[in-house]
Amino acid sequence: MDKWLYVVYAIILAALSFFTGEIVTFIMLGFILLALININNTLKKLVQHQETNK
């Protein structure tokens, strides 16, 4: 996924959390999203490294 799509998701979540009053939930979802993105990128690098070593 492109990075700009993550920005779109963040804006949608921010608007939704602002109107519902769940700002803390938005912050926690942001941390979870960042962690999942990092895990995904790490796994992609591992698979790419493994494929080049075959």
C-alpha atoms as a PDB file:
ATOM      1  CA  MET A   1       0.000   0.000   0.000  1.00  0.00           C
ATOM      2  CA  ASP A   2       1.162   3.512  -0.656  1.00  0.00           C
ATOM      3  CA  LYS A   3       1.992   5.818   2.221  1.00  0.00           C
ATOM      4  CA  TRP A   4      -0.561   8.382   1.076  1.00  0.00           C
ATOM      5  CA  LEU A   5      -3.306   5.823   1.672  1.00  0.00           C
ATOM      6  CA  TYR A   6      -2.247   5.596   5.333  1.00  0.00           C
ATOM      7  CA  VAL A   7      -2.611   9.362   5.528  1.00  0.00           C
ATOM      8  CA  VAL A   8      -6.149   9.105   4.157  1.00  0.00           C
ATOM      9  CA  TYR A   9      -7.012   6.458   6.760  1.00  0.00           C
ATOM     10  CA  ALA A  10      -5.546   8.635   9.514  1.00  0.00           C
ATOM     11  CA  ILE A  11      -7.584  11.650   8.410  1.00  0.00           C
ATOM     12  CA  ILE A  12     -10.786   9.605   8.324  1.00  0.00           C
ATOM     13  CA  LEU A  13     -10.076   8.195  11.794  1.00  0.00           C
ATOM     14  CA  ALA A  14      -9.203  11.667  13.107  1.00  0.00           C
ATOM     15  CA  ALA A  15     -12.450  13.159  11.821  1.00  0.00           C
ATOM     16  CA  LEU A  16     -14.476  10.288  13.221  1.00  0.00           C
ATOM     17  CA  SER A  17     -12.755  10.435  16.599  1.00  0.00           C
ATOM     18  CA  PHE A  18     -13.204  14.215  16.787  1.00  0.00           C
ATOM     19  CA  PHE A  19     -16.951  13.970  16.275  1.00  0.00           C
ATOM     20  CA  THR A  20     -17.381  11.052  18.663  1.00  0.00           C
ATOM     21  CA  GLY A  21     -15.025  12.457  21.318  1.00  0.00           C
ATOM     22  CA  GLU A  22     -12.694   9.456  21.255  1.00  0.00           C
ATOM     23  CA  ILE A  23      -9.370  11.267  20.893  1.00  0.00           C
ATOM     24  CA  VAL A  24      -7.468   8.794  23.097  1.00  0.00           C
ATOM     25  CA  THR A  25      -8.754   5.922  20.986  1.00  0.00           C
ATOM     26  CA  PHE A  26      -7.475   7.708  17.872  1.00  0.00           C
ATOM     27  CA  ILE A  27      -4.017   8.060  19.415  1.00  0.00           C
ATOM     28  CA  MET A  28      -3.929   4.390  20.415  1.00  0.00           C
ATOM     29  CA  LEU A  29      -5.097   3.296  16.959  1.00  0.00           C
ATOM     30  CA  GLY A  30      -2.331   5.426  15.491  1.00  0.00           C
ATOM     31  CA  PHE A  31       0.276   3.613  17.591  1.00  0.00           C
ATOM     32  CA  ILE A  32      -1.173   0.244  16.588  1.00  0.00           C
ATOM     33  CA  LEU A  33      -1.186   1.251  12.923  1.00  0.00           C
ATOM     34  CA  LEU A  34       2.460   2.351  13.099  1.00  0.00           C
ATOM     35  CA  ALA A  35       3.447  -0.913  14.766  1.00  0.00           C
ATOM     36  CA  LEU A  36       1.633  -2.992  12.140  1.00  0.00           C
ATOM     37  CA  ILE A  37       3.224  -1.009   9.311  1.00  0.00           C
ATOM     38  CA  ASN A  38       6.665  -1.615  10.804  1.00  0.00           C
ATOM     39  CA  ILE A  39       5.980  -5.343  11.192  1.00  0.00           C
ATOM     40  CA  ASN A  40       4.712  -5.524   7.615  1.00  0.00           C
ATOM     41  CA  ASN A  41       7.771  -3.736   6.231  1.00  0.00           C
ATOM     42  CA  THR A  42      10.120  -5.973   8.229  1.00  0.00           C
ATOM     43  CA  LEU A  43       8.412  -9.126   6.977  1.00  0.00           C
ATOM     44  CA  LYS A  44       8.593  -7.880   3.390  1.00  0.00           C
ATOM     45  CA  LYS A  45      12.332  -7.251   3.779  1.00  0.00           C
ATOM     46  CA  LEU A  46      12.866 -10.724   5.252  1.00  0.00           C
ATOM     47  CA  VAL A  47      10.986 -12.400   2.402  1.00  0.00           C
ATOM     48  CA  GLN A  48      12.872 -10.348  -0.171  1.00  0.00           C
ATOM     49  CA  HIS A  49      16.188 -11.225   1.458  1.00  0.00           C
ATOM     50  CA  GLN A  50      15.244 -14.895   1.570  1.00  0.00           C
ATOM     51  CA  GLU A  51      14.289 -14.921  -2.113  1.00  0.00           C
ATOM     52  CA  THR A  52      17.574 -13.363  -3.178  1.00  0.00           C
ATOM     53  CA  ASN A  53      19.589 -15.970  -1.238  1.00  0.00           C
ATOM     54  CA  LYS A  54      18.001 -18.963  -2.999  1.00  0.00           C
END
